[in-house]
Amino acid sequence: MASEGPTAKLGELVAFKTGKLDSNAAVPDGDYPFFTCSQQTLRTNTYSFDTECVLLAGNNANGIYPLKYFHGKFDAYQRTYVVTTRDPNRLTNRFLYYALRPKLSEFRSISTGAATKFLTLTILNETEIQVPPLPLQRRIAGILLAYDDLIENSQRRIRILENIARALFRQWFGQFRFPGHDKFPRVCTSLGDIPKDWEVKTVADSFEISGGGTPSRKESRYWDDGTIQWFAPNNLTAVDTMFMDDSPEHITELGLAESSARLFPAFSVMMTSRATIGAIAINTREACTNQGFITCLPNERVPLYFLFHWLTENVPMFQRMASGATFKEISRGVFKSIEFLHPTAALVRRFESQVEPMAKQMLTLQRQIQNLRRTRDLLLPQLLSTPRLCSDDRGGYK
């Protein structure tokens, strides 16, 4: 195998700045990207930077630090690092982004803090990356960029499908402009005027919910070689996807039996119910969660995608109903008491028949993205170990 080339410490190669905004500076449909410690890129109406750079989160509850590349005007959270190369003739920002990706798992293991993990400048300055010649950096970045373009294209298609399904739900069940709506007179209820033949019930009378629990970390038999999916809230917030194919951690049958964790079927709807309230995802395999969830089980009258979109649309209400001093939480008792609007069964089935194919396509695209990311990240070390990738016949670099 060919030599992998020289390495250098980040402190010698790049400059670190941080943003100055609080996370609450985000506004819907803002003019500029707003980079925080979340996987999701938010928006704001201000910009403090206009540059090409790498954005790296400086803290995260689970040590999962989002890493992004951007070129243009943006703003940043006060714990988000804005990383730029000191010498573009030695290191390009685009290559820096790819060189840092393999370091994320290392950052997770060496970052400091208990409840929240912190990625300090001391850690970052001492981190070493490979610095091949500039032509090789450009060639490698070009190859990996092709994967990122495919990923972005798939993400764009997912967003379009999400917006279509969300708009359909709002139009039919929020604005009551469903097919044939003019044939349904309105009747007065506790939820206001609703179409005739629609019903108002409670969540408790509409679908089942499940809680969760955490097996003792002191008992290795609950965790070692576990095969049962077990989700924590930050597993959902870290990826922000509609579907969850697997969980980072798994528990054993014994861990399930001797804890308050409860197994629920595939294609249920998990919703975080404390601290971060309203992160929502659908599990594609049998799973359980910790105690920071309310998991909703669909049924024939309240099918999967109707339930998912009802939950998504009502997150602001769930957050208002939450209480607590240390952290906000919506209890299962309070959640069960929420009034739930039942449209006619025929209309719900019609909605489900239109949205289900879109959701299946989104799941296919999501899995394609996961495969593309996996392949891209495996390619980098192979490309770094192949200097002949852009060398000429005389041993120089093109």
Protein backbone atom coordinates (compact mmCIF):
# COMPACT_ATOMS: atom_id res chain seq x y z
CA MET A 1 0.00 0.00 0.00
CA ALA A 2 1.27 3.46 -0.85
CA SER A 3 2.12 6.00 1.80
CA GLU A 4 -0.85 7.92 3.12
CA GLY A 5 1.00 11.24 3.15
CA PRO A 6 1.91 13.79 5.82
CA THR A 7 -0.28 14.70 8.78
CA ALA A 8 -0.62 17.93 10.71
CA LYS A 9 -2.51 19.22 13.72
CA LEU A 10 -5.68 21.22 13.13
CA GLY A 11 -4.31 24.07 15.25
CA GLU A 12 -1.61 24.59 12.61
CA LEU A 13 -3.96 24.28 9.65
CA VAL A 14 -7.21 26.07 10.46
CA ALA A 15 -8.75 28.99 12.31
CA PHE A 16 -11.68 28.47 14.68
CA LYS A 17 -14.39 31.03 15.29
CA THR A 18 -17.78 30.62 16.94
CA GLY A 19 -21.13 32.23 16.36
CA LYS A 20 -22.70 34.64 18.85
CA LEU A 21 -26.41 33.82 18.62
CA ASP A 22 -28.63 31.91 21.03
CA SER A 23 -30.56 28.98 19.58
CA ASN A 24 -33.81 30.94 19.95
CA ALA A 25 -32.61 33.32 17.22
CA ALA A 26 -34.06 30.92 14.65
CA VAL A 27 -37.10 32.12 12.72
CA PRO A 28 -39.30 30.20 10.26
CA ASP A 29 -38.44 30.93 6.62
CA GLY A 30 -35.53 33.22 7.57
CA ASP A 31 -33.33 34.73 4.88
CA TYR A 32 -30.10 32.95 5.84
CA PRO A 33 -29.01 29.51 7.10
CA PHE A 34 -28.51 29.33 10.87
CA PHE A 35 -26.12 26.61 12.01
CA THR A 36 -26.55 25.28 15.55
CA CYS A 37 -25.56 22.04 17.27
CA SER A 38 -28.54 20.32 15.67
CA GLN A 39 -28.41 18.12 12.60
CA GLN A 40 -31.11 20.32 11.13
CA THR A 41 -30.03 23.61 9.56
CA LEU A 42 -32.32 26.37 10.84
CA ARG A 43 -33.00 29.83 9.39
CA THR A 44 -32.53 33.38 10.65
CA ASN A 45 -32.84 36.91 9.28
CA THR A 46 -29.28 37.96 10.11
CA TYR A 47 -25.86 36.94 8.89
CA SER A 48 -22.50 37.38 10.59
CA PHE A 49 -20.38 35.33 8.17
CA ASP A 50 -19.89 35.39 4.42
CA THR A 51 -17.28 32.78 3.65
CA GLU A 52 -16.45 29.22 2.66
CA CYS A 53 -16.05 27.07 5.74
CA VAL A 54 -16.79 23.91 7.70
CA LEU A 55 -19.39 24.07 10.49
CA LEU A 56 -18.79 21.80 13.49
CA ALA A 57 -21.06 21.56 16.55
CA GLY A 58 -19.27 22.26 19.82
CA ASN A 59 -21.63 20.39 22.13
CA ASN A 60 -24.17 17.59 22.04
CA ALA A 61 -25.92 15.54 24.70
CA ASN A 62 -24.79 12.27 23.15
CA GLY A 63 -21.50 13.39 21.65
CA ILE A 64 -22.86 13.29 18.09
CA TYR A 65 -21.43 16.44 16.50
CA PRO A 66 -23.03 17.60 13.25
CA LEU A 67 -20.48 18.51 10.57
CA LYS A 68 -21.40 20.60 7.52
CA TYR A 69 -19.79 22.44 4.63
CA PHE A 70 -21.12 25.81 3.48
CA HIS A 71 -20.14 28.68 1.19
CA GLY A 72 -22.04 31.95 1.46
CA LYS A 73 -23.82 34.14 4.01
CA PHE A 74 -24.99 32.56 7.27
CA ASP A 75 -25.16 32.90 11.04
CA ALA A 76 -24.12 30.52 13.79
CA TYR A 77 -24.94 29.50 17.34
CA GLN A 78 -22.45 30.45 20.05
CA ARG A 79 -21.28 26.85 20.50
CA THR A 80 -20.90 26.12 16.78
CA TYR A 81 -17.38 26.28 15.36
CA VAL A 82 -16.83 28.07 12.06
CA VAL A 83 -13.66 26.42 10.73
CA THR A 84 -11.61 27.86 7.86
CA THR A 85 -8.26 26.94 6.39
CA ARG A 86 -5.35 29.26 7.20
CA ASP A 87 -3.63 28.60 3.88
CA PRO A 88 -5.79 27.53 0.91
CA ASN A 89 -2.61 26.56 -0.94
CA ARG A 90 -1.97 23.91 1.67
CA LEU A 91 -5.49 22.79 2.63
CA THR A 92 -8.83 23.37 0.93
CA ASN A 93 -12.00 23.84 2.97
CA ARG A 94 -13.82 21.20 0.96
CA PHE A 95 -11.13 18.59 1.66
CA LEU A 96 -11.09 19.67 5.32
CA TYR A 97 -14.77 18.73 5.54
CA TYR A 98 -14.11 15.20 4.27
CA ALA A 99 -10.96 14.81 6.37
CA LEU A 100 -12.92 15.64 9.55
CA ARG A 101 -15.73 13.17 8.90
CA PRO A 102 -13.74 10.08 10.05
CA LYS A 103 -12.79 12.00 13.22
CA LEU A 104 -16.38 12.34 14.48
CA SER A 105 -16.41 8.97 16.26
CA GLU A 106 -13.09 9.89 17.90
CA PHE A 107 -14.52 13.23 19.03
CA ARG A 108 -17.43 11.40 20.60
CA SER A 109 -15.13 9.23 22.70
CA ILE A 110 -12.73 11.94 23.89
CA SER A 111 -15.04 14.93 24.37
CA THR A 112 -15.62 16.22 27.89
CA GLY A 113 -18.75 16.59 30.04
CA ALA A 114 -21.40 14.39 31.64
CA ALA A 115 -24.99 15.38 30.80
CA THR A 116 -23.75 17.36 27.78
CA LYS A 117 -20.59 16.52 25.84
CA PHE A 118 -18.30 19.40 24.86
CA LEU A 119 -15.82 19.50 22.00
CA THR A 120 -13.18 21.90 23.27
CA LEU A 121 -10.58 23.87 21.33
CA THR A 122 -7.88 21.95 23.17
CA ILE A 123 -9.19 18.71 21.68
CA LEU A 124 -9.62 20.19 18.22
CA ASN A 125 -6.24 21.92 18.05
CA GLU A 126 -4.46 18.66 18.86
CA THR A 127 -6.44 16.57 16.37
CA GLU A 128 -4.31 15.41 13.42
CA ILE A 129 -5.52 14.95 9.86
CA GLN A 130 -3.77 13.86 6.70
CA VAL A 131 -2.73 16.65 4.34
CA PRO A 132 -1.95 15.24 0.89
CA PRO A 133 -0.76 17.51 -1.94
CA LEU A 134 -3.31 20.04 -3.14
CA PRO A 135 -4.07 18.30 -6.50
CA LEU A 136 -4.89 15.11 -4.64
CA GLN A 137 -7.09 16.99 -2.19
CA ARG A 138 -9.06 18.45 -5.08
CA ARG A 139 -9.37 15.10 -6.83
CA ILE A 140 -10.55 13.31 -3.67
CA ALA A 141 -13.01 16.10 -2.84
CA GLY A 142 -14.39 15.94 -6.37
CA ILE A 143 -15.03 12.20 -6.10
CA LEU A 144 -16.72 12.48 -2.70
CA LEU A 145 -18.69 15.54 -3.77
CA ALA A 146 -20.44 13.38 -6.36
CA TYR A 147 -21.81 11.29 -3.47
CA ASP A 148 -22.90 14.42 -1.61
CA ASP A 149 -24.74 15.64 -4.70
CA LEU A 150 -26.65 12.36 -4.89
CA ILE A 151 -27.43 12.61 -1.16
CA GLU A 152 -28.68 16.19 -1.52
CA ASN A 153 -30.84 15.24 -4.48
CA SER A 154 -32.48 12.45 -2.47
CA GLN A 155 -32.94 14.77 0.51
CA ARG A 156 -34.60 17.33 -1.75
CA ARG A 157 -37.01 14.70 -3.04
CA ILE A 158 -37.84 13.68 0.55
CA ARG A 159 -38.57 17.30 1.48
CA ILE A 160 -40.90 17.67 -1.50
CA LEU A 161 -42.81 14.53 -0.55
CA GLU A 162 -42.97 15.64 3.10
CA ASN A 163 -44.38 19.02 2.09
CA ILE A 164 -47.00 17.46 -0.17
CA ALA A 165 -48.22 15.07 2.54
CA ARG A 166 -48.20 17.79 5.21
CA ALA A 167 -50.11 20.21 2.99
CA LEU A 168 -52.70 17.55 2.20
CA PHE A 169 -53.24 16.80 5.90
CA ARG A 170 -53.61 20.50 6.73
CA GLN A 171 -56.00 21.14 3.88
CA TRP A 172 -58.28 18.18 4.59
CA PHE A 173 -58.19 17.98 8.39
CA GLY A 174 -57.17 21.49 9.45
CA GLN A 175 -58.94 23.72 6.96
CA PHE A 176 -61.73 21.14 6.28
CA ARG A 177 -61.28 21.54 2.52
CA PHE A 178 -61.46 17.84 1.69
CA PRO A 179 -63.11 16.35 -1.43
CA GLY A 180 -66.84 16.95 -1.17
CA HIS A 181 -66.48 19.26 1.85
CA ASP A 182 -69.32 21.49 0.62
CA LYS A 183 -71.77 18.64 1.20
CA PHE A 184 -70.98 18.51 4.94
CA PRO A 185 -72.63 21.23 7.06
CA ARG A 186 -70.73 22.35 10.15
CA VAL A 187 -71.72 21.45 13.72
CA CYS A 188 -70.56 23.09 16.94
CA THR A 189 -68.26 21.04 19.24
CA SER A 190 -65.65 21.56 21.95
CA LEU A 191 -63.10 21.87 19.15
CA GLY A 192 -65.12 24.49 17.32
CA ASP A 193 -67.23 24.05 14.22
CA ILE A 194 -66.42 20.78 12.48
CA PRO A 195 -67.97 18.91 9.53
CA LYS A 196 -71.08 16.88 10.28
CA ASP A 197 -70.44 13.16 10.90
CA TRP A 198 -66.97 13.88 12.31
CA GLU A 199 -66.48 12.98 15.99
CA VAL A 200 -64.51 14.35 18.93
CA LYS A 201 -63.03 11.78 21.30
CA THR A 202 -60.02 11.68 23.58
CA VAL A 203 -56.67 10.16 22.70
CA ALA A 204 -57.41 7.44 25.27
CA ASP A 205 -60.51 6.46 23.29
CA SER A 206 -58.78 6.66 19.91
CA PHE A 207 -55.52 4.68 20.05
CA GLU A 208 -53.18 2.94 22.49
CA ILE A 209 -49.99 4.47 23.80
CA SER A 210 -46.90 2.93 25.37
CA GLY A 211 -44.22 4.22 27.70
CA GLY A 212 -40.63 3.12 28.15
CA GLY A 213 -37.81 2.44 30.56
CA THR A 214 -34.07 1.99 30.89
CA PRO A 215 -32.50 -1.27 32.06
CA SER A 216 -29.83 -0.76 34.69
CA ARG A 217 -26.48 0.21 33.16
CA LYS A 218 -24.78 -1.62 36.02
CA GLU A 219 -26.05 -4.98 34.78
CA SER A 220 -24.08 -6.01 31.70
CA ARG A 221 -26.51 -8.87 31.00
CA TYR A 222 -29.13 -6.28 30.09
CA TRP A 223 -26.97 -4.76 27.34
CA ASP A 224 -24.17 -7.04 26.13
CA ASP A 225 -25.00 -8.66 22.77
CA GLY A 226 -28.52 -7.23 22.93
CA THR A 227 -30.69 -7.62 19.84
CA ILE A 228 -33.79 -5.58 20.82
CA GLN A 229 -33.87 -2.03 19.49
CA TRP A 230 -33.89 0.56 22.29
CA PHE A 231 -34.23 4.27 21.53
CA ALA A 232 -33.30 7.34 23.55
CA PRO A 233 -34.63 10.81 22.61
CA ASN A 234 -31.33 12.03 21.18
CA ASN A 235 -31.37 9.13 18.72
CA LEU A 236 -34.31 10.86 17.02
CA THR A 237 -33.07 14.43 17.31
CA ALA A 238 -29.62 13.48 15.99
CA VAL A 239 -30.92 12.28 12.62
CA ASP A 240 -34.28 14.05 12.11
CA THR A 241 -35.77 11.44 9.76
CA MET A 242 -39.31 10.12 9.39
CA PHE A 243 -38.24 6.48 9.77
CA MET A 244 -35.81 4.74 12.11
CA ASP A 245 -34.44 1.46 10.79
CA ASP A 246 -32.26 0.75 13.80
CA SER A 247 -31.21 2.15 17.18
CA PRO A 248 -27.61 2.89 18.25
CA GLU A 249 -28.09 0.73 21.36
CA HIS A 250 -29.80 -2.64 21.89
CA ILE A 251 -30.93 -4.46 24.99
CA THR A 252 -31.31 -8.16 25.76
CA GLU A 253 -34.47 -10.15 26.45
CA LEU A 254 -33.50 -10.11 30.12
CA GLY A 255 -33.07 -6.33 30.07
CA LEU A 256 -36.53 -6.00 28.58
CA ALA A 257 -38.11 -8.39 31.10
CA GLU A 258 -36.51 -6.79 34.16
CA SER A 259 -37.13 -3.12 33.34
CA SER A 260 -40.11 -0.92 32.56
CA ALA A 261 -39.21 -0.86 28.85
CA ARG A 262 -42.07 -2.15 26.73
CA LEU A 263 -41.83 -3.75 23.32
CA PHE A 264 -44.08 -2.28 20.64
CA PRO A 265 -44.64 -3.43 17.06
CA ALA A 266 -42.93 -2.19 13.91
CA PHE A 267 -44.50 0.88 12.32
CA SER A 268 -45.57 2.52 15.54
CA VAL A 269 -45.01 6.26 16.05
CA MET A 270 -42.44 7.29 18.67
CA MET A 271 -42.63 10.80 20.12
CA THR A 272 -40.21 12.29 22.64
CA SER A 273 -42.16 13.58 25.64
CA ARG A 274 -39.63 15.27 27.92
CA ALA A 275 -36.93 17.96 27.57
CA THR A 276 -37.13 17.97 23.77
CA ILE A 277 -40.86 17.43 23.24
CA GLY A 278 -42.13 16.42 19.84
CA ALA A 279 -39.32 14.68 17.97
CA ILE A 280 -41.30 12.08 16.03
CA ALA A 281 -40.29 9.00 14.04
CA ILE A 282 -41.65 5.66 12.86
CA ASN A 283 -39.77 2.49 13.81
CA THR A 284 -39.50 -0.07 11.00
CA ARG A 285 -38.80 -2.99 13.35
CA GLU A 286 -40.05 -4.09 16.76
CA ALA A 287 -38.55 -1.78 19.36
CA CYS A 288 -38.71 -0.19 22.80
CA THR A 289 -37.66 3.18 24.22
CA ASN A 290 -36.49 4.79 27.41
CA GLN A 291 -38.87 6.72 29.65
CA GLY A 292 -38.62 9.93 27.61
CA PHE A 293 -41.19 8.81 25.04
CA ILE A 294 -44.87 8.41 24.37
CA THR A 295 -45.24 5.80 21.64
CA CYS A 296 -48.53 5.75 19.74
CA LEU A 297 -49.88 2.55 18.23
CA PRO A 298 -51.94 2.99 15.05
CA ASN A 299 -55.07 0.99 14.39
CA GLU A 300 -57.66 0.59 11.65
CA ARG A 301 -59.57 3.73 12.66
CA VAL A 302 -56.42 5.79 13.26
CA PRO A 303 -53.92 4.42 10.69
CA LEU A 304 -50.18 5.02 10.65
CA TYR A 305 -49.68 8.08 8.45
CA PHE A 306 -52.82 9.87 9.60
CA LEU A 307 -51.54 9.40 13.17
CA PHE A 308 -48.01 10.53 12.27
CA HIS A 309 -49.24 13.76 10.69
CA TRP A 310 -51.71 14.45 13.51
CA LEU A 311 -48.84 14.23 15.99
CA THR A 312 -46.55 16.37 13.86
CA GLU A 313 -49.16 19.09 13.44
CA ASN A 314 -49.91 19.25 17.16
CA VAL A 315 -46.37 19.46 18.57
CA PRO A 316 -46.86 23.12 19.64
CA MET A 317 -49.91 22.07 21.67
CA PHE A 318 -47.99 19.22 23.33
CA GLN A 319 -45.23 21.66 24.28
CA ARG A 320 -47.73 24.10 25.80
CA MET A 321 -49.28 21.30 27.85
CA ALA A 322 -45.92 20.19 29.26
CA SER A 323 -44.95 20.98 32.84
CA GLY A 324 -41.98 20.53 35.13
CA ALA A 325 -39.23 22.45 36.91
CA THR A 326 -36.01 20.69 35.92
CA PHE A 327 -37.25 19.93 32.40
CA LYS A 328 -40.60 20.11 30.66
CA GLU A 329 -42.55 16.89 30.16
CA ILE A 330 -45.99 15.95 28.88
CA SER A 331 -47.20 13.00 30.93
CA ARG A 332 -49.08 10.04 29.50
CA GLY A 333 -52.09 11.00 31.64
CA VAL A 334 -52.23 14.49 30.17
CA PHE A 335 -51.63 13.15 26.67
CA LYS A 336 -54.49 10.66 26.98
CA SER A 337 -56.89 13.48 27.88
CA ILE A 338 -56.23 15.45 24.67
CA GLU A 339 -59.25 15.76 22.40
CA PHE A 340 -58.82 13.92 19.10
CA LEU A 341 -60.83 14.73 16.00
CA HIS A 342 -62.11 11.75 14.04
CA PRO A 343 -63.01 12.46 10.41
CA THR A 344 -65.17 9.92 8.62
CA ALA A 345 -63.52 6.53 8.20
CA ALA A 346 -63.84 6.77 4.41
CA LEU A 347 -61.96 10.09 4.30
CA VAL A 348 -59.17 8.81 6.56
CA ARG A 349 -58.77 5.76 4.31
CA ARG A 350 -58.61 8.02 1.27
CA PHE A 351 -55.92 10.15 2.89
CA GLU A 352 -53.94 7.05 3.88
CA SER A 353 -54.12 5.64 0.35
CA GLN A 354 -52.64 8.84 -1.06
CA VAL A 355 -49.94 9.38 1.55
CA GLU A 356 -48.73 5.79 2.03
CA PRO A 357 -47.01 5.53 -1.40
CA MET A 358 -45.22 8.83 -0.70
CA ALA A 359 -44.05 7.57 2.70
CA LYS A 360 -42.75 4.33 1.18
CA GLN A 361 -40.82 6.31 -1.41
CA MET A 362 -39.37 8.47 1.38
CA LEU A 363 -38.22 5.35 3.21
CA THR A 364 -36.55 4.05 0.06
CA LEU A 365 -34.78 7.38 -0.45
CA GLN A 366 -33.75 7.51 3.21
CA ARG A 367 -32.13 4.08 2.91
CA GLN A 368 -30.37 5.13 -0.29
CA ILE A 369 -28.95 8.14 1.56
CA GLN A 370 -27.68 5.90 4.37
CA ASN A 371 -25.94 3.64 1.86
CA LEU A 372 -24.42 6.59 0.00
CA ARG A 373 -23.08 8.08 3.24
CA ARG A 374 -21.63 4.74 4.29
CA THR A 375 -19.91 4.27 0.94
CA ARG A 376 -18.60 7.85 0.89
CA ASP A 377 -17.09 7.57 4.36
CA LEU A 378 -15.45 4.23 3.53
CA LEU A 379 -13.96 5.71 0.35
CA LEU A 380 -11.98 8.49 2.00
CA PRO A 381 -9.25 6.36 3.66
CA GLN A 382 -8.93 4.31 0.47
CA LEU A 383 -8.48 7.43 -1.64
CA LEU A 384 -5.97 8.87 0.80
CA SER A 385 -3.87 5.71 0.50
CA THR A 386 -3.81 5.91 -3.32
CA PRO A 387 -1.64 8.91 -4.30
CA ARG A 388 -1.43 7.65 -7.90
CA LEU A 389 -5.04 8.77 -8.17
CA CYS A 390 -3.90 12.04 -9.67
CA SER A 391 -0.20 11.53 -10.27
CA ASP A 392 1.35 11.75 -13.72
CA ASP A 393 3.77 9.27 -15.26
CA ARG A 394 6.77 11.13 -13.80
CA GLY A 395 5.56 10.81 -10.24
CA GLY A 396 4.40 14.43 -9.98
CA TYR A 397 0.85 15.66 -9.41
CA LYS A 398 -1.47 17.02 -12.03
